[in-house]
Amino acid sequence: MNILIVGTGYVGTTTGLVFCEMGHQVTGLDIDEQKLKSLQSGKIYFYEPGLDELLSKHLQKRNITFTSDIENAIKDNDIIFICVGTPQGEDGSADLRYVKNVTESIGKYMDKYKVIVNKSTVPVGTAELVTTWIKEKQEALIPFDVVSNPEFLREGSALHDALNPDRIVIGSESKKARDIMKELYKNFHCPIVETDSKSSELIKYAANAFLALKISYINELARLCKTLDIHIDGIAEGIGYDKRIGNSFLKAGIGFGGSCFPKDVSALLYTAKKSNHRLTILEAAKEVNETQPIHFIHMVKSKLGKLKGKNIAILGISFKANTDDTRESPAFRIIDRLLAEQANVTCYDPKAKIGNQRVIQQNNIENTLRNCDAVIICTEWEEFRITEWEKHKSIMKSPVIFDGRNILEKSKMKEIGYEYYNI
């Protein structure tokens, strides 16, 4: 099939390359010429393991091309995936301006039947809006169908998730469109959920919100464990073996961040509010997540005292390991509080950049820890777990570690000679 991917970001690029692997012909459409230039040269402009190799492979095989020519891209392809951003508004709602811009172009340029697929995370009712926006721009009545087909990709393992999905959700009122989508996904071995577009749109929000609940629950439980002098990791392991609960997303830490969970939780709360409903459990989960970094800073202050003039090293600023994405990263909330307390902050991350002139960013762990009064681990990079902590102790002003991701062994760190505090 000839597939158009509108938006060559994290979701769009991954989705397009996976369809290339399945034997389809893919065109990536974007208005950002710098992104297109990078992709055309075989370089992914963001960090996601495995994508560079896959891009080079399919550029050589000529299974994928990139363009900014909107009109011809729409006319030349049968299935159009919308993979543009839906940023969060101030009220928590999803901003659909980019989705609307794309759909208006589709309505203007389409010349035959198309299947329009919403891959972007969008609120309930967006498929209906897309249908309206397309029709408003059509000069002649050309048939088309709209499908909701949400993505369930984890940054850092997006390629694996896209090639090995837990399920594929196809939401449309059109049997013809659903059949085309099933043919598109015929080589995937997983359950296919066929439903209406509204249900499909809600499934994505409901899934992410539930995972956010698990994270906030284990973090709130960790606060109780601190009071009771119990290690939260043992509790998480003990309940995680229960198949009804599962052990994923039960890692205590400084809270969740990223491009999905905070935005999707807020969007679902906004949807509920518009419908005169309250999702009180989800409201509480959001509050726990927003206060978790503050709770952590209180622990730091209780051990170090006043932070003014203290040299604090931050390890990790991406919201999770194996990505350079810093959107809604809890590390930034911790850094902001440290700066407000007039601490001197130095940071290191293997992939992410901070872009804050008040923070010194180093290019390795050793330079970051030099002469620091304490180090705070904010991201669970494997590099931080296996680094030579015994050697680093001598270059620190004070060997104090605050482990915001519980990645180090408490007994081992104390044996080396560190003061070690964790969630």
Protein backbone atom coordinates (compact mmCIF):
# COMPACT_ATOMS: atom_id res chain seq x y z
CA MET A 1 0.00 0.00 0.00
CA ASN A 2 1.04 3.62 -0.51
CA ILE A 3 1.06 5.31 2.88
CA LEU A 4 1.50 8.97 3.75
CA ILE A 5 2.76 9.88 7.21
CA VAL A 6 2.00 13.53 8.03
CA GLY A 7 4.43 14.64 10.73
CA THR A 8 7.92 13.12 10.94
CA GLY A 9 8.34 13.30 14.69
CA TYR A 10 8.79 10.50 17.17
CA VAL A 11 5.48 8.76 16.38
CA GLY A 12 5.39 9.50 12.66
CA THR A 13 8.94 8.40 11.89
CA THR A 14 8.66 5.20 13.92
CA THR A 15 5.29 4.35 12.39
CA GLY A 16 6.50 4.99 8.86
CA LEU A 17 9.63 2.86 9.22
CA VAL A 18 7.65 -0.03 10.69
CA PHE A 19 5.29 0.04 7.70
CA CYS A 20 8.38 -0.08 5.47
CA GLU A 21 9.41 -3.23 7.34
CA MET A 22 5.98 -4.66 6.52
CA GLY A 23 6.59 -4.11 2.80
CA HIS A 24 4.65 -0.89 2.20
CA GLN A 25 5.73 2.24 0.34
CA VAL A 26 5.91 5.22 2.71
CA THR A 27 6.12 8.98 2.22
CA GLY A 28 6.96 11.23 5.16
CA LEU A 29 5.47 14.72 4.91
CA ASP A 30 6.61 17.67 7.02
CA ILE A 31 6.84 21.45 6.69
CA ASP A 32 10.13 21.58 8.62
CA GLU A 33 12.84 21.51 5.97
CA GLN A 34 15.62 20.94 8.52
CA LYS A 35 13.94 17.77 9.77
CA LEU A 36 13.42 16.56 6.22
CA LYS A 37 17.04 17.26 5.31
CA SER A 38 18.23 15.25 8.30
CA LEU A 39 15.94 12.30 7.54
CA GLN A 40 16.81 12.31 3.84
CA SER A 41 20.48 12.06 4.79
CA GLY A 42 19.75 9.01 6.95
CA LYS A 43 19.95 10.70 10.35
CA ILE A 44 17.18 10.67 12.95
CA TYR A 45 17.14 14.14 14.53
CA PHE A 46 15.99 12.78 17.90
CA TYR A 47 17.32 9.88 19.94
CA GLU A 48 15.45 6.58 19.72
CA PRO A 49 17.39 3.29 19.73
CA GLY A 50 17.31 1.34 16.46
CA LEU A 51 15.70 3.94 14.21
CA ASP A 52 18.88 5.19 12.53
CA GLU A 53 19.71 1.73 11.22
CA LEU A 54 16.15 1.15 10.01
CA LEU A 55 16.05 4.52 8.27
CA SER A 56 19.32 3.83 6.41
CA LYS A 57 18.05 0.41 5.38
CA HIS A 58 14.83 1.67 3.84
CA LEU A 59 16.36 4.74 2.24
CA GLN A 60 18.69 2.37 0.41
CA LYS A 61 15.78 0.14 -0.59
CA ARG A 62 13.83 3.25 -1.59
CA ASN A 63 10.85 2.18 0.50
CA ILE A 64 10.61 5.60 2.13
CA THR A 65 10.86 9.16 0.84
CA PHE A 66 10.40 12.54 2.48
CA THR A 67 8.77 15.66 1.11
CA SER A 68 7.25 19.03 1.94
CA ASP A 69 5.00 18.95 -1.17
CA ILE A 70 1.59 18.69 0.52
CA GLU A 71 -0.57 18.56 -2.61
CA ASN A 72 1.23 15.75 -4.41
CA ALA A 73 1.81 13.78 -1.21
CA ILE A 74 -1.94 13.72 -0.52
CA LYS A 75 -2.85 12.83 -4.10
CA ASP A 76 -0.25 10.07 -4.45
CA ASN A 77 -1.18 8.05 -1.34
CA ASP A 78 -4.20 5.96 -0.40
CA ILE A 79 -3.89 5.93 3.39
CA ILE A 80 -2.97 9.11 5.25
CA PHE A 81 -1.74 8.91 8.84
CA ILE A 82 -1.98 12.10 10.87
CA CYS A 83 0.96 12.07 13.32
CA VAL A 84 1.20 15.72 14.35
CA GLY A 85 1.44 17.15 17.85
CA THR A 86 -1.56 17.87 20.06
CA PRO A 87 0.05 20.07 22.73
CA GLN A 88 -1.63 20.75 26.02
CA GLY A 89 -3.53 24.01 26.41
CA GLU A 90 -3.47 26.06 29.62
CA ASP A 91 -6.78 24.51 30.69
CA GLY A 92 -5.51 20.96 30.09
CA SER A 93 -7.31 20.52 26.78
CA ALA A 94 -5.59 19.14 23.68
CA ASP A 95 -4.75 21.77 21.08
CA LEU A 96 -5.98 20.46 17.70
CA ARG A 97 -4.73 23.30 15.51
CA TYR A 98 -2.14 21.11 13.75
CA VAL A 99 -4.65 18.32 13.19
CA LYS A 100 -7.08 20.84 11.72
CA ASN A 101 -4.42 22.30 9.40
CA VAL A 102 -3.62 18.83 8.05
CA THR A 103 -7.23 17.82 7.54
CA GLU A 104 -8.05 21.06 5.75
CA SER A 105 -5.19 20.36 3.33
CA ILE A 106 -6.50 16.84 2.80
CA GLY A 107 -9.94 18.20 1.98
CA LYS A 108 -8.46 20.70 -0.44
CA TYR A 109 -6.21 18.32 -2.37
CA MET A 110 -7.74 14.82 -2.21
CA ASP A 111 -8.87 13.59 -5.64
CA LYS A 112 -10.09 10.05 -4.87
CA TYR A 113 -11.16 7.86 -1.94
CA LYS A 114 -8.78 8.01 1.02
CA VAL A 115 -8.61 6.51 4.47
CA ILE A 116 -7.64 9.24 6.94
CA VAL A 117 -6.09 7.82 10.10
CA ASN A 118 -5.71 9.71 13.36
CA LYS A 119 -2.51 8.38 14.94
CA SER A 120 -2.09 11.47 17.11
CA THR A 121 -3.53 11.33 20.61
CA VAL A 122 -6.78 13.26 20.32
CA PRO A 123 -9.86 13.85 22.48
CA VAL A 124 -13.13 11.99 22.09
CA GLY A 125 -15.04 13.31 19.09
CA THR A 126 -12.01 14.33 17.02
CA ALA A 127 -12.83 11.87 14.22
CA GLU A 128 -16.13 13.67 13.77
CA LEU A 129 -14.35 17.02 13.69
CA VAL A 130 -11.86 15.73 11.12
CA THR A 131 -14.74 14.59 8.93
CA THR A 132 -16.31 18.04 9.16
CA TRP A 133 -13.08 19.91 8.47
CA ILE A 134 -12.35 17.82 5.39
CA LYS A 135 -15.84 18.27 3.96
CA GLU A 136 -15.68 22.03 4.52
CA LYS A 137 -12.62 22.25 2.26
CA GLN A 138 -13.84 19.94 -0.49
CA GLU A 139 -14.85 21.59 -3.74
CA ALA A 140 -16.40 18.35 -5.03
CA LEU A 141 -17.87 15.55 -2.92
CA ILE A 142 -15.13 12.89 -2.81
CA PRO A 143 -15.70 9.90 -0.51
CA PHE A 144 -13.35 9.21 2.38
CA ASP A 145 -13.36 7.51 5.77
CA VAL A 146 -11.79 8.54 9.06
CA VAL A 147 -10.21 6.00 11.40
CA SER A 148 -8.90 6.36 14.95
CA ASN A 149 -5.79 4.19 15.33
CA PRO A 150 -3.94 5.29 18.50
CA GLU A 151 -0.27 4.53 19.10
CA PHE A 152 1.02 2.82 22.22
CA LEU A 153 4.74 3.49 21.96
CA ARG A 154 7.13 3.95 24.85
CA GLU A 155 9.98 6.34 24.22
CA GLY A 156 13.24 4.44 24.48
CA SER A 157 11.65 1.23 23.17
CA ALA A 158 9.38 2.63 20.46
CA LEU A 159 10.70 0.43 17.67
CA HIS A 160 10.24 -2.76 19.67
CA ASP A 161 6.74 -1.66 20.72
CA ALA A 162 5.75 -0.80 17.15
CA LEU A 163 7.00 -4.13 15.78
CA ASN A 164 5.54 -6.14 18.67
CA PRO A 165 2.31 -4.39 19.75
CA ASP A 166 0.18 -5.72 22.59
CA ARG A 167 -2.89 -4.85 20.56
CA ILE A 168 -3.99 -2.77 17.59
CA VAL A 169 -7.05 -0.57 18.02
CA ILE A 170 -9.07 0.33 14.91
CA GLY A 171 -11.95 2.71 15.49
CA SER A 172 -14.28 3.62 12.65
CA GLU A 173 -17.94 3.57 11.72
CA SER A 174 -16.98 2.33 8.24
CA LYS A 175 -16.56 -1.43 7.62
CA LYS A 176 -14.68 -0.64 4.41
CA ALA A 177 -12.11 1.43 6.28
CA ARG A 178 -11.76 -1.16 9.05
CA ASP A 179 -11.15 -3.89 6.44
CA ILE A 180 -8.46 -1.79 4.75
CA MET A 181 -6.77 -1.20 8.10
CA LYS A 182 -6.88 -4.91 8.96
CA GLU A 183 -5.24 -5.67 5.63
CA LEU A 184 -2.58 -3.07 6.42
CA TYR A 185 -1.85 -4.76 9.76
CA LYS A 186 -2.20 -8.37 8.55
CA ASN A 187 1.44 -9.24 9.32
CA PHE A 188 1.15 -8.28 12.99
CA HIS A 189 0.45 -11.09 15.44
CA CYS A 190 -1.62 -9.49 18.19
CA PRO A 191 -5.29 -8.90 19.03
CA ILE A 192 -7.06 -6.35 16.84
CA VAL A 193 -9.73 -4.36 18.66
CA GLU A 194 -12.42 -3.16 16.28
CA THR A 195 -14.61 -0.43 17.68
CA ASP A 196 -16.17 2.95 16.92
CA SER A 197 -14.01 6.06 16.65
CA LYS A 198 -15.06 7.59 19.99
CA SER A 199 -14.24 4.42 21.92
CA SER A 200 -10.88 4.16 20.18
CA GLU A 201 -10.03 7.75 21.09
CA LEU A 202 -10.91 7.15 24.74
CA ILE A 203 -8.96 3.87 24.90
CA LYS A 204 -5.66 5.74 24.44
CA TYR A 205 -6.38 8.25 27.20
CA ALA A 206 -7.76 5.57 29.51
CA ALA A 207 -4.68 3.37 29.05
CA ASN A 208 -2.16 6.12 29.76
CA ALA A 209 -4.18 7.44 32.69
CA PHE A 210 -4.29 3.97 34.26
CA LEU A 211 -0.50 3.61 33.99
CA ALA A 212 -0.12 7.07 35.53
CA LEU A 213 -2.33 5.89 38.41
CA LYS A 214 0.02 2.96 39.07
CA ILE A 215 3.06 5.25 39.19
CA SER A 216 1.42 7.74 41.54
CA TYR A 217 0.11 4.93 43.75
CA ILE A 218 3.55 3.40 44.25
CA ASN A 219 5.06 6.85 44.86
CA GLU A 220 2.46 7.69 47.48
CA LEU A 221 3.01 4.29 49.06
CA ALA A 222 6.76 5.06 49.11
CA ARG A 223 6.07 8.10 51.30
CA LEU A 224 4.37 5.83 53.82
CA CYS A 225 7.25 3.36 53.59
CA LYS A 226 9.68 6.16 54.44
CA THR A 227 7.76 6.85 57.64
CA LEU A 228 7.59 3.16 58.52
CA ASP A 229 11.26 2.54 57.60
CA ILE A 230 10.34 -0.02 54.92
CA HIS A 231 11.97 -0.27 51.48
CA ILE A 232 9.40 0.34 48.74
CA ASP A 233 11.13 -1.93 46.18
CA GLY A 234 10.30 -5.00 48.26
CA ILE A 235 6.68 -3.92 48.46
CA ALA A 236 6.53 -3.35 44.70
CA GLU A 237 8.03 -6.78 44.04
CA GLY A 238 5.63 -8.46 46.43
CA ILE A 239 2.50 -7.00 44.87
CA GLY A 240 3.82 -7.09 41.30
CA TYR A 241 3.81 -10.89 41.12
CA ASP A 242 0.03 -10.77 41.46
CA LYS A 243 -1.09 -11.23 37.85
CA ARG A 244 -4.06 -8.96 38.45
CA ILE A 245 -1.64 -6.13 39.28
CA GLY A 246 1.51 -6.85 37.28
CA ASN A 247 5.01 -5.54 38.00
CA SER A 248 5.23 -2.84 35.32
CA PHE A 249 5.01 0.84 36.32
CA LEU A 250 5.58 0.02 39.99
CA LYS A 251 9.02 1.63 40.24
CA ALA A 252 9.01 4.37 42.85
CA GLY A 253 10.74 7.61 41.92
CA ILE A 254 10.40 11.37 41.54
CA GLY A 255 7.33 11.10 39.31
CA PHE A 256 6.35 10.60 35.69
CA GLY A 257 6.95 13.02 32.86
CA GLY A 258 7.28 12.92 29.09
CA SER A 259 5.11 13.81 26.14
CA CYS A 260 2.20 11.50 27.00
CA PHE A 261 1.31 10.82 30.62
CA PRO A 262 1.05 14.38 32.01
CA LYS A 263 -0.68 15.67 28.87
CA ASP A 264 -3.06 12.74 28.53
CA VAL A 265 -4.04 12.79 32.21
CA SER A 266 -4.85 16.51 31.95
CA ALA A 267 -6.77 16.00 28.71
CA LEU A 268 -8.90 13.22 30.21
CA LEU A 269 -9.62 15.34 33.28
CA TYR A 270 -10.63 18.20 30.96
CA THR A 271 -12.93 15.90 28.99
CA ALA A 272 -14.57 14.72 32.20
CA LYS A 273 -14.99 18.29 33.44
CA LYS A 274 -16.65 19.34 30.18
CA SER A 275 -19.12 16.48 30.67
CA ASN A 276 -19.79 17.56 34.28
CA HIS A 277 -18.01 14.52 35.74
CA ARG A 278 -15.11 14.31 38.17
CA LEU A 279 -12.45 11.64 37.96
CA THR A 280 -11.40 12.02 41.58
CA ILE A 281 -8.90 9.14 41.60
CA LEU A 282 -7.14 10.58 38.56
CA GLU A 283 -7.16 14.05 40.14
CA ALA A 284 -5.38 12.59 43.17
CA ALA A 285 -2.84 10.80 40.96
CA LYS A 286 -2.02 14.06 39.20
CA GLU A 287 -1.57 15.83 42.55
CA VAL A 288 0.78 13.11 43.83
CA ASN A 289 2.87 13.37 40.68
CA GLU A 290 3.10 17.15 40.85
CA THR A 291 4.15 17.09 44.51
CA GLN A 292 6.58 14.16 44.31
CA PRO A 293 9.60 16.27 43.24
CA ILE A 294 8.77 18.76 46.00
CA HIS A 295 8.59 15.91 48.49
CA PHE A 296 12.01 14.77 47.29
CA ILE A 297 13.53 18.25 47.67
CA HIS A 298 12.25 18.38 51.25
CA MET A 299 14.21 15.18 51.89
CA VAL A 300 17.32 16.76 50.36
CA LYS A 301 16.95 19.87 52.54
CA SER A 302 16.38 17.80 55.67
CA LYS A 303 19.80 16.19 55.15
CA LEU A 304 21.81 19.13 53.74
CA GLY A 305 20.17 22.06 55.51
CA LYS A 306 20.14 25.34 53.62
CA LEU A 307 20.92 24.87 49.93
CA LYS A 308 22.19 28.39 49.26
CA GLY A 309 25.69 28.18 47.81
CA LYS A 310 25.71 24.37 47.81
CA ASN A 311 27.08 22.64 44.71
CA ILE A 312 24.48 20.11 43.56
CA ALA A 313 25.16 17.63 40.76
CA ILE A 314 22.21 16.36 38.74
CA LEU A 315 22.54 13.07 36.86
CA GLY A 316 19.86 12.77 34.19
CA ILE A 317 17.50 15.39 32.81
CA SER A 318 15.51 13.36 30.26
CA PHE A 319 12.16 12.22 31.65
CA LYS A 320 13.27 8.57 31.36
CA ALA A 321 16.28 6.59 30.17
CA ASN A 322 17.03 5.85 26.50
CA THR A 323 15.49 9.07 25.19
CA ASP A 324 16.58 12.68 24.78
CA ASP A 325 13.04 13.90 25.51
CA THR A 326 12.90 16.34 28.44
CA ARG A 327 9.23 17.29 28.15
CA GLU A 328 7.61 17.47 31.61
CA SER A 329 10.71 15.87 33.12
CA PRO A 330 10.61 15.82 36.94
CA ALA A 331 14.32 16.71 36.82
CA PHE A 332 13.41 20.21 35.70
CA ARG A 333 11.07 20.74 38.65
CA ILE A 334 13.86 19.65 40.98
CA ILE A 335 16.38 21.92 39.23
CA ASP A 336 13.96 24.86 39.42
CA ARG A 337 13.57 24.36 43.18
CA LEU A 338 17.34 24.10 43.65
CA LEU A 339 17.89 27.33 41.72
CA ALA A 340 15.16 29.02 43.75
CA GLU A 341 17.08 27.98 46.88
CA GLN A 342 20.20 29.60 45.30
CA ALA A 343 22.08 26.34 44.90
CA ASN A 344 24.76 25.97 42.21
CA VAL A 345 23.59 23.29 39.77
CA THR A 346 25.68 21.18 37.40
CA CYS A 347 24.14 18.41 35.30
CA TYR A 348 24.94 15.56 32.95
CA ASP A 349 22.74 13.45 30.68
CA PRO A 350 23.98 10.99 28.04
CA LYS A 351 21.60 12.36 25.37
CA ALA A 352 19.46 15.29 26.53
CA LYS A 353 20.37 19.00 26.59
CA ILE A 354 19.11 21.41 29.22
CA GLY A 355 19.24 24.83 27.56
CA ASN A 356 19.29 26.72 30.87
CA GLN A 357 22.15 29.21 31.22
CA ARG A 358 21.94 29.05 35.02
CA VAL A 359 22.84 25.34 34.90
CA ILE A 360 26.28 24.09 33.85
CA GLN A 361 26.01 21.01 31.63
CA GLN A 362 29.02 18.70 31.61
CA ASN A 363 29.86 15.97 29.10
CA ASN A 364 30.59 13.18 31.58
CA ILE A 365 29.83 11.99 35.11
CA GLU A 366 33.26 12.74 36.57
CA ASN A 367 33.23 16.44 35.67
CA THR A 368 29.68 16.73 37.00
CA LEU A 369 30.52 15.27 40.41
CA ARG A 370 33.73 17.21 40.94
CA ASN A 371 33.59 19.30 44.14
CA CYS A 372 29.84 18.74 44.62
CA ASP A 373 28.16 18.75 48.03
CA ALA A 374 25.64 16.15 46.87
CA VAL A 375 24.46 14.35 43.75
CA ILE A 376 20.83 13.80 42.77
CA ILE A 377 19.96 10.99 40.33
CA CYS A 378 16.91 12.02 38.32
CA THR A 379 16.93 9.56 35.41
CA GLU A 380 17.49 5.80 35.46
CA TRP A 381 20.25 5.65 32.82
CA GLU A 382 22.21 2.40 33.03
CA GLU A 383 25.41 4.45 32.86
CA PHE A 384 24.64 5.90 36.29
CA ARG A 385 24.07 2.48 37.82
CA ILE A 386 27.32 0.92 36.60
CA THR A 387 29.64 3.93 36.96
CA GLU A 388 32.67 3.61 39.26
CA TRP A 389 31.15 5.21 42.35
CA GLU A 390 34.05 4.14 44.55
CA LYS A 391 36.46 6.12 42.37
CA HIS A 392 34.16 9.16 42.16
CA LYS A 393 33.90 9.53 45.94
CA SER A 394 37.31 11.17 46.21
CA ILE A 395 36.47 14.02 43.81
CA MET A 396 33.25 15.00 45.61
CA LYS A 397 33.27 17.61 48.33
CA SER A 398 30.80 15.46 50.28
CA PRO A 399 29.95 11.87 49.28
CA VAL A 400 26.18 12.24 49.50
CA ILE A 401 23.77 10.63 47.03
CA PHE A 402 20.06 11.24 46.69
CA ASP A 403 18.73 8.51 44.40
CA GLY A 404 15.50 9.72 42.86
CA ARG A 405 15.09 6.53 40.81
CA ASN A 406 16.20 3.83 43.29
CA ILE A 407 18.76 2.45 40.82
CA LEU A 408 21.65 1.92 43.26
CA GLU A 409 22.06 -0.64 46.03
CA LYS A 410 21.80 1.08 49.40
CA SER A 411 24.02 -1.40 51.25
CA LYS A 412 26.73 -1.26 48.60
CA MET A 413 26.81 2.54 48.52
CA LYS A 414 27.07 2.75 52.31
CA GLU A 415 29.83 0.14 52.27
CA ILE A 416 31.80 2.30 49.81
CA GLY A 417 31.40 5.24 52.16
CA TYR A 418 28.51 7.27 50.81
CA GLU A 419 25.62 8.80 52.65
CA TYR A 420 22.81 7.35 50.57
CA TYR A 421 19.16 8.41 50.53
CA ASN A 422 16.49 7.15 48.19
CA ILE A 423 12.74 7.17 47.58
